[in-house]
């Protein structure tokens, strides 16, 4: 959290007010200093979509607002305002694709408020917790029948449970997750959101704070069970960040061993590391789970030469 030492910095500064989560087709205005000039830039558009989306920089999935106002390099961190002058989000990424035009994303105020509240509560940023499972939809009626679901029951099948997640004490593969905190989960993994809207149930998880618990209801072997599950941060086998720390390495007899992380992959294989890195490393990045809290993926980074 950035702070300033001199209180005069805030003189004659009027803070913006946060607005509520916008609705589809609501007008938005993005303000910032993107490429293409030196003065302030203002672009306008409407809200196109609201859903749980991938945050590229944070390697996580949280609530996001898609807009059709132009967001370019340099816009990140700039506010998005509604037609009442309230800040409804912060611009942070856009989709660049030959088949897509004017697809930008802003971090909505519920996510921003969660971050601020988390910092106030703990004095540090603890992150957004996860349940620690991989799941699949249960829209196929034959699959539901094979797993013993009644016609009145809905939910998603748990494919894998992360060994380091607290949920591993209670949940297991092929359990059917029926509800989260007494909110029923549909066969497509969505839950009620606002009037006439639905959203992925991971949104409910992201509203909690690290260390809190949630009540989950599952179906196992035809019987309904309930558990109180503690929620924790995601322990990745290949960390997305090293939090400003120097890279971890070990040298033995001139052989340099390095711990794999996304910053390491980016430094070795460039910004397109997710295409250019070795397939086995990408498989670990995308699909492998840590088996213990202190597990690291290590490679031989280089072999040093010694002069005789």
C-alpha atoms as a PDB file:
ATOM      1  CA  UNK A   1       0.000   0.000   0.000  1.00  0.00           C
ATOM      2  CA  UNK A   2       1.528   3.325  -1.085  1.00  0.00           C
ATOM      3  CA  UNK A   3       1.574   6.187   1.416  1.00  0.00           C
ATOM      4  CA  UNK A   4       2.966   9.739   1.501  1.00  0.00           C
ATOM      5  CA  UNK A   5       4.879  11.315   4.379  1.00  0.00           C
ATOM      6  CA  UNK A   6       3.834  14.922   3.778  1.00  0.00           C
ATOM      7  CA  UNK A   7       0.158  15.632   4.499  1.00  0.00           C
ATOM      8  CA  UNK A   8       0.316  18.679   2.203  1.00  0.00           C
ATOM      9  CA  UNK A   9       0.165  16.233  -0.685  1.00  0.00           C
ATOM     10  CA  UNK A  10      -3.579  15.880  -0.055  1.00  0.00           C
ATOM     11  CA  UNK A  11      -4.376  19.602   0.076  1.00  0.00           C
ATOM     12  CA  UNK A  12      -6.941  20.694  -2.522  1.00  0.00           C
ATOM     13  CA  UNK A  13      -7.366  17.077  -3.612  1.00  0.00           C
ATOM     14  CA  UNK A  14     -10.932  15.822  -3.923  1.00  0.00           C
ATOM     15  CA  UNK A  15     -11.229  12.029  -3.671  1.00  0.00           C
ATOM     16  CA  UNK A  16     -13.584  10.219  -6.011  1.00  0.00           C
ATOM     17  CA  UNK A  17     -16.535   8.262  -4.691  1.00  0.00           C
ATOM     18  CA  UNK A  18     -16.915   4.563  -5.397  1.00  0.00           C
ATOM     19  CA  UNK A  19     -20.086   3.587  -7.201  1.00  0.00           C
ATOM     20  CA  UNK A  20     -21.881   0.262  -7.116  1.00  0.00           C
ATOM     21  CA  UNK A  21     -21.353  -2.533  -9.606  1.00  0.00           C
ATOM     22  CA  UNK A  22     -22.756  -1.322 -12.950  1.00  0.00           C
ATOM     23  CA  UNK A  23     -25.321  -3.184 -15.002  1.00  0.00           C
ATOM     24  CA  UNK A  24     -25.221  -4.318 -18.603  1.00  0.00           C
ATOM     25  CA  UNK A  25     -25.416  -1.443 -21.086  1.00  0.00           C
ATOM     26  CA  UNK A  26     -24.553   1.152 -18.411  1.00  0.00           C
ATOM     27  CA  UNK A  27     -22.364   3.946 -19.789  1.00  0.00           C
ATOM     28  CA  UNK A  28     -18.720   4.102 -18.637  1.00  0.00           C
ATOM     29  CA  UNK A  29     -15.893   6.565 -19.240  1.00  0.00           C
ATOM     30  CA  UNK A  30     -12.240   5.527 -18.933  1.00  0.00           C
ATOM     31  CA  UNK A  31      -9.629   8.156 -18.060  1.00  0.00           C
ATOM     32  CA  UNK A  32      -5.870   7.727 -18.305  1.00  0.00           C
ATOM     33  CA  UNK A  33      -2.624   8.385 -20.123  1.00  0.00           C
ATOM     34  CA  UNK A  34      -2.292   5.615 -22.733  1.00  0.00           C
ATOM     35  CA  UNK A  35       0.107   5.504 -25.647  1.00  0.00           C
ATOM     36  CA  UNK A  36      -0.512   7.879 -28.526  1.00  0.00           C
ATOM     37  CA  UNK A  37       0.029  11.203 -26.751  1.00  0.00           C
ATOM     38  CA  UNK A  38       1.140  13.028 -23.617  1.00  0.00           C
ATOM     39  CA  UNK A  39      -2.105  14.586 -22.393  1.00  0.00           C
ATOM     40  CA  UNK A  40      -5.026  12.954 -20.637  1.00  0.00           C
ATOM     41  CA  UNK A  41      -7.181  10.588 -22.696  1.00  0.00           C
ATOM     42  CA  UNK A  42     -10.916   9.985 -22.264  1.00  0.00           C
ATOM     43  CA  UNK A  43     -12.764   7.118 -23.955  1.00  0.00           C
ATOM     44  CA  UNK A  44     -16.400   6.111 -23.558  1.00  0.00           C
ATOM     45  CA  UNK A  45     -18.423   2.948 -23.970  1.00  0.00           C
ATOM     46  CA  UNK A  46     -20.887   0.653 -22.255  1.00  0.00           C
ATOM     47  CA  UNK A  47     -20.731  -2.406 -20.020  1.00  0.00           C
ATOM     48  CA  UNK A  48     -20.788  -5.471 -22.267  1.00  0.00           C
ATOM     49  CA  UNK A  49     -20.430  -8.339 -19.799  1.00  0.00           C
ATOM     50  CA  UNK A  50     -20.020  -9.040 -16.077  1.00  0.00           C
ATOM     51  CA  UNK A  51     -18.548 -12.381 -15.056  1.00  0.00           C
ATOM     52  CA  UNK A  52     -15.710 -14.126 -13.276  1.00  0.00           C
ATOM     53  CA  UNK A  53     -12.734 -13.554 -15.558  1.00  0.00           C
ATOM     54  CA  UNK A  54      -9.031 -14.313 -15.664  1.00  0.00           C
ATOM     55  CA  UNK A  55      -6.753 -11.628 -14.224  1.00  0.00           C
ATOM     56  CA  UNK A  56      -3.617 -11.952 -16.336  1.00  0.00           C
ATOM     57  CA  UNK A  57      -1.284 -10.067 -13.984  1.00  0.00           C
ATOM     58  CA  UNK A  58      -2.529 -11.782 -10.851  1.00  0.00           C
ATOM     59  CA  UNK A  59      -2.878 -15.288 -12.302  1.00  0.00           C
ATOM     60  CA  UNK A  60      -6.280 -15.607 -10.667  1.00  0.00           C
ATOM     61  CA  UNK A  61      -9.969 -15.456 -11.557  1.00  0.00           C
ATOM     62  CA  UNK A  62     -12.158 -12.773  -9.998  1.00  0.00           C
ATOM     63  CA  UNK A  63     -15.193 -10.698 -10.820  1.00  0.00           C
ATOM     64  CA  UNK A  64     -14.518  -8.532 -13.866  1.00  0.00           C
ATOM     65  CA  UNK A  65     -16.423  -6.000 -15.959  1.00  0.00           C
ATOM     66  CA  UNK A  66     -16.003  -6.087 -19.728  1.00  0.00           C
ATOM     67  CA  UNK A  67     -16.508  -2.797 -21.557  1.00  0.00           C
ATOM     68  CA  UNK A  68     -16.253  -1.679 -25.174  1.00  0.00           C
ATOM     69  CA  UNK A  69     -14.428   1.582 -24.392  1.00  0.00           C
ATOM     70  CA  UNK A  70     -10.876   1.555 -25.737  1.00  0.00           C
ATOM     71  CA  UNK A  71      -8.245   0.427 -23.202  1.00  0.00           C
ATOM     72  CA  UNK A  72      -4.656   0.627 -24.429  1.00  0.00           C
ATOM     73  CA  UNK A  73      -1.170   0.325 -22.963  1.00  0.00           C
ATOM     74  CA  UNK A  74      -0.878   3.023 -20.312  1.00  0.00           C
ATOM     75  CA  UNK A  75      -4.552   2.953 -19.331  1.00  0.00           C
ATOM     76  CA  UNK A  76      -3.915   0.398 -16.586  1.00  0.00           C
ATOM     77  CA  UNK A  77      -4.611   1.880 -13.163  1.00  0.00           C
ATOM     78  CA  UNK A  78      -6.861   4.592 -14.562  1.00  0.00           C
ATOM     79  CA  UNK A  79     -10.415   4.975 -13.249  1.00  0.00           C
ATOM     80  CA  UNK A  80     -13.629   4.091 -15.040  1.00  0.00           C
ATOM     81  CA  UNK A  81     -16.541   6.395 -14.190  1.00  0.00           C
ATOM     82  CA  UNK A  82     -20.291   6.004 -14.525  1.00  0.00           C
ATOM     83  CA  UNK A  83     -22.567   8.795 -15.750  1.00  0.00           C
ATOM     84  CA  UNK A  84     -22.835  10.138 -12.167  1.00  0.00           C
ATOM     85  CA  UNK A  85     -19.088  10.675 -11.872  1.00  0.00           C
ATOM     86  CA  UNK A  86     -18.590   7.730  -9.510  1.00  0.00           C
ATOM     87  CA  UNK A  87     -15.651   5.376  -9.937  1.00  0.00           C
ATOM     88  CA  UNK A  88     -16.997   1.933 -10.833  1.00  0.00           C
ATOM     89  CA  UNK A  89     -13.667   0.263 -11.530  1.00  0.00           C
ATOM     90  CA  UNK A  90     -10.023   0.436 -12.544  1.00  0.00           C
ATOM     91  CA  UNK A  91      -8.831  -0.360 -16.068  1.00  0.00           C
ATOM     92  CA  UNK A  92      -6.323  -3.201 -16.096  1.00  0.00           C
ATOM     93  CA  UNK A  93      -6.304  -5.275 -19.288  1.00  0.00           C
ATOM     94  CA  UNK A  94      -7.696  -5.680 -22.790  1.00  0.00           C
ATOM     95  CA  UNK A  95      -8.116  -8.511 -25.257  1.00  0.00           C
ATOM     96  CA  UNK A  96      -5.896  -8.244 -28.321  1.00  0.00           C
ATOM     97  CA  UNK A  97      -7.052 -10.637 -31.024  1.00  0.00           C
ATOM     98  CA  UNK A  98      -7.571 -10.400 -34.756  1.00  0.00           C
ATOM     99  CA  UNK A  99     -11.215 -11.425 -34.335  1.00  0.00           C
ATOM    100  CA  UNK A 100     -11.948  -9.050 -31.427  1.00  0.00           C
ATOM    101  CA  UNK A 101     -12.412  -5.293 -31.242  1.00  0.00           C
ATOM    102  CA  UNK A 102     -12.829  -2.951 -28.271  1.00  0.00           C
ATOM    103  CA  UNK A 103     -12.796  -5.563 -25.526  1.00  0.00           C
ATOM    104  CA  UNK A 104     -11.432  -4.041 -22.348  1.00  0.00           C
ATOM    105  CA  UNK A 105     -11.691  -5.027 -18.700  1.00  0.00           C
ATOM    106  CA  UNK A 106     -11.942  -3.092 -15.454  1.00  0.00           C
ATOM    107  CA  UNK A 107     -11.563  -4.288 -11.876  1.00  0.00           C
ATOM    108  CA  UNK A 108     -14.968  -3.542 -10.300  1.00  0.00           C
ATOM    109  CA  UNK A 109     -15.458  -1.833  -6.952  1.00  0.00           C
ATOM    110  CA  UNK A 110     -16.397  -5.032  -5.029  1.00  0.00           C
ATOM    111  CA  UNK A 111     -12.919  -6.422  -5.773  1.00  0.00           C
ATOM    112  CA  UNK A 112     -11.256  -3.107  -4.882  1.00  0.00           C
ATOM    113  CA  UNK A 113     -13.233  -2.879  -1.633  1.00  0.00           C
ATOM    114  CA  UNK A 114     -12.279  -6.461  -0.749  1.00  0.00           C
ATOM    115  CA  UNK A 115      -8.595  -5.583  -1.198  1.00  0.00           C
ATOM    116  CA  UNK A 116      -8.859  -2.476   0.999  1.00  0.00           C
ATOM    117  CA  UNK A 117     -10.872  -4.255   3.693  1.00  0.00           C
ATOM    118  CA  UNK A 118      -8.391  -7.129   3.712  1.00  0.00           C
ATOM    119  CA  UNK A 119      -5.532  -4.694   4.272  1.00  0.00           C
ATOM    120  CA  UNK A 120      -7.380  -2.882   7.072  1.00  0.00           C
ATOM    121  CA  UNK A 121      -8.283  -6.165   8.797  1.00  0.00           C
ATOM    122  CA  UNK A 122      -4.862  -7.782   8.717  1.00  0.00           C
ATOM    123  CA  UNK A 123      -2.380  -4.968   8.108  1.00  0.00           C
ATOM    124  CA  UNK A 124      -1.254  -6.780   4.975  1.00  0.00           C
ATOM    125  CA  UNK A 125      -2.649  -8.091   1.712  1.00  0.00           C
ATOM    126  CA  UNK A 126      -3.490 -11.760   2.251  1.00  0.00           C
ATOM    127  CA  UNK A 127      -5.075 -12.296  -1.160  1.00  0.00           C
ATOM    128  CA  UNK A 128      -8.320 -13.873  -2.295  1.00  0.00           C
ATOM    129  CA  UNK A 129      -8.936 -17.373  -0.929  1.00  0.00           C
ATOM    130  CA  UNK A 130      -9.842 -20.434  -2.965  1.00  0.00           C
ATOM    131  CA  UNK A 131     -11.761 -23.602  -2.198  1.00  0.00           C
ATOM    132  CA  UNK A 132      -8.937 -25.664  -3.705  1.00  0.00           C
ATOM    133  CA  UNK A 133     -10.775 -27.882  -6.178  1.00  0.00           C
ATOM    134  CA  UNK A 134     -11.033 -28.536  -9.901  1.00  0.00           C
ATOM    135  CA  UNK A 135     -14.559 -29.284 -11.061  1.00  0.00           C
ATOM    136  CA  UNK A 136     -16.612 -30.189 -14.097  1.00  0.00           C
ATOM    137  CA  UNK A 137     -20.146 -29.340 -15.172  1.00  0.00           C
ATOM    138  CA  UNK A 138     -22.940 -31.858 -14.695  1.00  0.00           C
ATOM    139  CA  UNK A 139     -25.271 -30.850 -17.511  1.00  0.00           C
ATOM    140  CA  UNK A 140     -25.222 -34.344 -19.031  1.00  0.00           C
ATOM    141  CA  UNK A 141     -28.234 -36.294 -17.636  1.00  0.00           C
ATOM    142  CA  UNK A 142     -26.499 -39.656 -18.105  1.00  0.00           C
ATOM    143  CA  UNK A 143     -23.516 -38.456 -16.078  1.00  0.00           C
ATOM    144  CA  UNK A 144     -25.798 -37.229 -13.293  1.00  0.00           C
ATOM    145  CA  UNK A 145     -27.571 -40.594 -13.245  1.00  0.00           C
ATOM    146  CA  UNK A 146     -24.276 -42.501 -13.170  1.00  0.00           C
ATOM    147  CA  UNK A 147     -23.144 -40.525 -10.118  1.00  0.00           C
ATOM    148  CA  UNK A 148     -26.375 -41.161  -8.230  1.00  0.00           C
ATOM    149  CA  UNK A 149     -27.934 -37.706  -8.445  1.00  0.00           C
ATOM    150  CA  UNK A 150     -31.688 -37.387  -8.073  1.00  0.00           C
ATOM    151  CA  UNK A 151     -33.647 -35.362 -10.619  1.00  0.00           C
ATOM    152  CA  UNK A 152     -34.092 -32.606  -8.025  1.00  0.00           C
ATOM    153  CA  UNK A 153     -30.382 -32.368  -7.211  1.00  0.00           C
ATOM    154  CA  UNK A 154     -28.000 -30.028  -8.994  1.00  0.00           C
ATOM    155  CA  UNK A 155     -24.302 -29.361  -8.632  1.00  0.00           C
ATOM    156  CA  UNK A 156     -20.843 -29.899 -10.102  1.00  0.00           C
ATOM    157  CA  UNK A 157     -18.482 -32.870  -9.890  1.00  0.00           C
ATOM    158  CA  UNK A 158     -15.178 -32.410  -8.083  1.00  0.00           C
ATOM    159  CA  UNK A 159     -12.394 -33.674 -10.356  1.00  0.00           C
ATOM    160  CA  UNK A 160      -9.402 -33.018  -8.107  1.00  0.00           C
ATOM    161  CA  UNK A 161      -8.712 -31.546  -4.688  1.00  0.00           C
ATOM    162  CA  UNK A 162      -5.463 -29.698  -4.075  1.00  0.00           C
ATOM    163  CA  UNK A 163      -3.417 -31.675  -1.513  1.00  0.00           C
ATOM    164  CA  UNK A 164      -2.285 -28.471   0.237  1.00  0.00           C
ATOM    165  CA  UNK A 165      -5.796 -27.003   0.518  1.00  0.00           C
ATOM    166  CA  UNK A 166      -7.716 -27.389   3.805  1.00  0.00           C
ATOM    167  CA  UNK A 167     -10.577 -28.826   1.726  1.00  0.00           C
ATOM    168  CA  UNK A 168      -8.488 -31.974   1.151  1.00  0.00           C
ATOM    169  CA  UNK A 169      -9.396 -33.068   4.697  1.00  0.00           C
ATOM    170  CA  UNK A 170     -13.076 -33.378   3.781  1.00  0.00           C
ATOM    171  CA  UNK A 171     -13.594 -33.369   0.016  1.00  0.00           C
ATOM    172  CA  UNK A 172     -12.523 -35.970  -2.518  1.00  0.00           C
ATOM    173  CA  UNK A 173     -12.691 -36.674  -6.228  1.00  0.00           C
ATOM    174  CA  UNK A 174     -16.159 -37.505  -7.631  1.00  0.00           C
ATOM    175  CA  UNK A 175     -17.987 -35.739  -4.798  1.00  0.00           C
ATOM    176  CA  UNK A 176     -20.850 -33.616  -6.126  1.00  0.00           C
ATOM    177  CA  UNK A 177     -20.685 -30.074  -4.778  1.00  0.00           C
ATOM    178  CA  UNK A 178     -24.327 -29.097  -4.208  1.00  0.00           C
ATOM    179  CA  UNK A 179     -24.108 -25.753  -2.419  1.00  0.00           C
ATOM    180  CA  UNK A 180     -21.734 -23.160  -0.976  1.00  0.00           C
ATOM    181  CA  UNK A 181     -22.813 -21.255   2.144  1.00  0.00           C
ATOM    182  CA  UNK A 182     -26.410 -22.456   1.631  1.00  0.00           C
ATOM    183  CA  UNK A 183     -26.536 -21.164  -1.960  1.00  0.00           C
ATOM    184  CA  UNK A 184     -27.414 -23.905  -4.440  1.00  0.00           C
ATOM    185  CA  UNK A 185     -25.027 -24.475  -7.348  1.00  0.00           C
ATOM    186  CA  UNK A 186     -26.506 -25.250 -10.770  1.00  0.00           C
ATOM    187  CA  UNK A 187     -25.269 -28.041 -13.037  1.00  0.00           C
ATOM    188  CA  UNK A 188     -23.305 -25.486 -15.075  1.00  0.00           C
ATOM    189  CA  UNK A 189     -21.512 -24.190 -11.970  1.00  0.00           C
ATOM    190  CA  UNK A 190     -23.435 -20.929 -11.668  1.00  0.00           C
ATOM    191  CA  UNK A 191     -25.321 -19.352  -8.766  1.00  0.00           C
ATOM    192  CA  UNK A 192     -27.899 -16.529  -8.606  1.00  0.00           C
ATOM    193  CA  UNK A 193     -26.249 -13.124  -8.886  1.00  0.00           C
ATOM    194  CA  UNK A 194     -28.600 -10.211  -9.436  1.00  0.00           C
ATOM    195  CA  UNK A 195     -32.142 -10.132 -10.769  1.00  0.00           C
ATOM    196  CA  UNK A 196     -32.129 -12.143 -13.974  1.00  0.00           C
ATOM    197  CA  UNK A 197     -28.365 -12.803 -13.804  1.00  0.00           C
ATOM    198  CA  UNK A 198     -26.195 -15.769 -12.833  1.00  0.00           C
ATOM    199  CA  UNK A 199     -22.461 -16.042 -12.213  1.00  0.00           C
ATOM    200  CA  UNK A 200     -19.844 -18.722 -11.556  1.00  0.00           C
ATOM    201  CA  UNK A 201     -19.925 -19.978  -7.959  1.00  0.00           C
ATOM    202  CA  UNK A 202     -16.239 -19.091  -7.504  1.00  0.00           C
ATOM    203  CA  UNK A 203     -17.539 -15.534  -7.106  1.00  0.00           C
ATOM    204  CA  UNK A 204     -18.959 -16.601  -3.726  1.00  0.00           C
ATOM    205  CA  UNK A 205     -15.567 -17.958  -2.689  1.00  0.00           C
ATOM    206  CA  UNK A 206     -13.813 -14.730  -3.689  1.00  0.00           C
ATOM    207  CA  UNK A 207     -16.131 -12.720  -1.430  1.00  0.00           C
ATOM    208  CA  UNK A 208     -14.646 -14.457   1.612  1.00  0.00           C
ATOM    209  CA  UNK A 209     -11.342 -13.624   3.320  1.00  0.00           C
ATOM    210  CA  UNK A 210      -8.330 -15.838   3.875  1.00  0.00           C
ATOM    211  CA  UNK A 211      -8.781 -17.864   7.046  1.00  0.00           C
ATOM    212  CA  UNK A 212     -12.567 -17.721   7.020  1.00  0.00           C
ATOM    213  CA  UNK A 213     -14.666 -20.858   6.672  1.00  0.00           C
ATOM    214  CA  UNK A 214     -17.597 -21.773   4.462  1.00  0.00           C
ATOM    215  CA  UNK A 215     -20.302 -24.401   4.701  1.00  0.00           C
ATOM    216  CA  UNK A 216     -20.394 -26.744   1.725  1.00  0.00           C
ATOM    217  CA  UNK A 217     -22.887 -29.471   0.971  1.00  0.00           C
ATOM    218  CA  UNK A 218     -21.849 -32.463  -1.117  1.00  0.00           C
ATOM    219  CA  UNK A 219     -23.300 -35.698  -2.436  1.00  0.00           C
ATOM    220  CA  UNK A 220     -21.120 -38.776  -1.896  1.00  0.00           C
ATOM    221  CA  UNK A 221     -22.244 -42.329  -2.642  1.00  0.00           C
ATOM    222  CA  UNK A 222     -25.850 -41.171  -2.751  1.00  0.00           C
ATOM    223  CA  UNK A 223     -25.698 -39.485   0.671  1.00  0.00           C
ATOM    224  CA  UNK A 224     -25.721 -35.743   1.369  1.00  0.00           C
ATOM    225  CA  UNK A 225     -22.960 -34.528   3.684  1.00  0.00           C
ATOM    226  CA  UNK A 226     -22.082 -31.081   5.070  1.00  0.00           C
ATOM    227  CA  UNK A 227     -18.666 -29.728   6.016  1.00  0.00           C
ATOM    228  CA  UNK A 228     -17.230 -26.469   7.295  1.00  0.00           C
ATOM    229  CA  UNK A 229     -14.230 -25.826   5.055  1.00  0.00           C
ATOM    230  CA  UNK A 230     -11.433 -23.382   5.871  1.00  0.00           C
ATOM    231  CA  UNK A 231     -10.456 -21.175   2.941  1.00  0.00           C
ATOM    232  CA  UNK A 232      -6.805 -20.473   2.149  1.00  0.00           C
ATOM    233  CA  UNK A 233      -4.585 -18.952  -0.514  1.00  0.00           C
ATOM    234  CA  UNK A 234      -3.645 -20.882  -3.608  1.00  0.00           C
ATOM    235  CA  UNK A 235      -0.328 -22.717  -3.143  1.00  0.00           C
ATOM    236  CA  UNK A 236       0.952 -23.009  -6.713  1.00  0.00           C
ATOM    237  CA  UNK A 237       3.651 -25.457  -7.705  1.00  0.00           C
ATOM    238  CA  UNK A 238       4.883 -22.757 -10.108  1.00  0.00           C
ATOM    239  CA  UNK A 239       4.355 -19.426  -8.285  1.00  0.00           C
ATOM    240  CA  UNK A 240       2.939 -16.557 -10.319  1.00  0.00           C
ATOM    241  CA  UNK A 241       4.924 -14.021  -8.268  1.00  0.00           C
ATOM    242  CA  UNK A 242       7.949 -13.972  -5.979  1.00  0.00           C
ATOM    243  CA  UNK A 243       6.691 -10.823  -4.187  1.00  0.00           C
ATOM    244  CA  UNK A 244       9.747  -8.676  -4.852  1.00  0.00           C
ATOM    245  CA  UNK A 245      12.174 -11.201  -3.400  1.00  0.00           C
ATOM    246  CA  UNK A 246      15.379 -12.177  -5.234  1.00  0.00           C
ATOM    247  CA  UNK A 247      15.137 -15.424  -7.233  1.00  0.00           C
ATOM    248  CA  UNK A 248      15.888 -18.607  -5.310  1.00  0.00           C
ATOM    249  CA  UNK A 249      18.895 -20.635  -6.506  1.00  0.00           C
ATOM    250  CA  UNK A 250      21.542 -23.093  -5.297  1.00  0.00           C
ATOM    251  CA  UNK A 251      25.046 -23.685  -6.694  1.00  0.00           C
ATOM    252  CA  UNK A 252      26.784 -27.032  -6.321  1.00  0.00           C
ATOM    253  CA  UNK A 253      30.051 -27.844  -8.114  1.00  0.00           C
ATOM    254  CA  UNK A 254      29.364 -25.139 -10.682  1.00  0.00           C
ATOM    255  CA  UNK A 255      25.835 -26.356 -11.411  1.00  0.00           C
ATOM    256  CA  UNK A 256      23.178 -23.689 -10.812  1.00  0.00           C
ATOM    257  CA  UNK A 257      19.808 -24.988  -9.642  1.00  0.00           C
ATOM    258  CA  UNK A 258      16.895 -22.529  -9.842  1.00  0.00           C
ATOM    259  CA  UNK A 259      13.332 -22.682  -8.541  1.00  0.00           C
ATOM    260  CA  UNK A 260      10.770 -22.342 -11.320  1.00  0.00           C
ATOM    261  CA  UNK A 261       8.351 -19.411 -11.173  1.00  0.00           C
ATOM    262  CA  UNK A 262       6.484 -17.362 -13.758  1.00  0.00           C
ATOM    263  CA  UNK A 263       9.076 -14.532 -13.490  1.00  0.00           C
ATOM    264  CA  UNK A 264      11.803 -17.131 -14.167  1.00  0.00           C
ATOM    265  CA  UNK A 265       9.948 -18.472 -17.222  1.00  0.00           C
ATOM    266  CA  UNK A 266       9.435 -14.938 -18.498  1.00  0.00           C
ATOM    267  CA  UNK A 267      13.121 -14.077 -18.072  1.00  0.00           C
ATOM    268  CA  UNK A 268      14.273 -17.271 -19.812  1.00  0.00           C
ATOM    269  CA  UNK A 269      11.712 -17.544 -22.630  1.00  0.00           C
ATOM    270  CA  UNK A 270      10.357 -14.002 -23.049  1.00  0.00           C
ATOM    271  CA  UNK A 271       6.843 -12.602 -22.826  1.00  0.00           C
ATOM    272  CA  UNK A 272       5.505 -15.525 -24.890  1.00  0.00           C
ATOM    273  CA  UNK A 273       6.844 -18.061 -22.396  1.00  0.00           C
ATOM    274  CA  UNK A 274       3.453 -19.794 -22.352  1.00  0.00           C
ATOM    275  CA  UNK A 275       4.175 -20.805 -25.962  1.00  0.00           C
ATOM    276  CA  UNK A 276       7.981 -20.997 -26.072  1.00  0.00           C
ATOM    277  CA  UNK A 277       8.843 -22.720 -22.778  1.00  0.00           C
ATOM    278  CA  UNK A 278       9.374 -26.517 -22.821  1.00  0.00           C
ATOM    279  CA  UNK A 279       6.134 -28.489 -22.853  1.00  0.00           C
ATOM    280  CA  UNK A 280       6.978 -30.340 -19.636  1.00  0.00           C
ATOM    281  CA  UNK A 281       7.410 -27.056 -17.759  1.00  0.00           C
ATOM    282  CA  UNK A 282       4.159 -25.685 -19.172  1.00  0.00           C
ATOM    283  CA  UNK A 283       2.390 -28.877 -18.120  1.00  0.00           C
ATOM    284  CA  UNK A 284       3.634 -28.346 -14.561  1.00  0.00           C
ATOM    285  CA  UNK A 285       2.571 -24.694 -14.705  1.00  0.00           C
ATOM    286  CA  UNK A 286      -0.945 -25.389 -15.937  1.00  0.00           C
ATOM    287  CA  UNK A 287      -1.895 -28.762 -14.496  1.00  0.00           C
ATOM    288  CA  UNK A 288       0.298 -29.884 -11.588  1.00  0.00           C
ATOM    289  CA  UNK A 289      -0.559 -29.360  -7.923  1.00  0.00           C
ATOM    290  CA  UNK A 290       1.772 -28.972  -4.963  1.00  0.00           C
ATOM    291  CA  UNK A 291       1.876 -32.070  -2.798  1.00  0.00           C
ATOM    292  CA  UNK A 292       3.233 -30.157   0.220  1.00  0.00           C
ATOM    293  CA  UNK A 293       3.544 -26.543   1.341  1.00  0.00           C
ATOM    294  CA  UNK A 294       7.311 -26.451   0.810  1.00  0.00           C
ATOM    295  CA  UNK A 295       7.480 -28.278  -2.531  1.00  0.00           C
ATOM    296  CA  UNK A 296       9.425 -26.517  -5.288  1.00  0.00           C
ATOM    297  CA  UNK A 297       9.981 -27.302  -8.944  1.00  0.00           C
ATOM    298  CA  UNK A 298      13.721 -27.021  -9.601  1.00  0.00           C
ATOM    299  CA  UNK A 299      15.718 -27.101 -12.852  1.00  0.00           C
ATOM    300  CA  UNK A 300      19.376 -26.839 -13.804  1.00  0.00           C
ATOM    301  CA  UNK A 301      19.571 -23.228 -14.933  1.00  0.00           C
ATOM    302  CA  UNK A 302      23.195 -23.195 -16.109  1.00  0.00           C
ATOM    303  CA  UNK A 303      26.600 -24.786 -15.655  1.00  0.00           C
ATOM    304  CA  UNK A 304      29.393 -22.404 -14.737  1.00  0.00           C
ATOM    305  CA  UNK A 305      32.862 -22.636 -16.195  1.00  0.00           C
ATOM    306  CA  UNK A 306      35.907 -22.662 -13.966  1.00  0.00           C
ATOM    307  CA  UNK A 307      39.288 -21.584 -15.143  1.00  0.00           C
ATOM    308  CA  UNK A 308      42.086 -24.099 -14.545  1.00  0.00           C
END
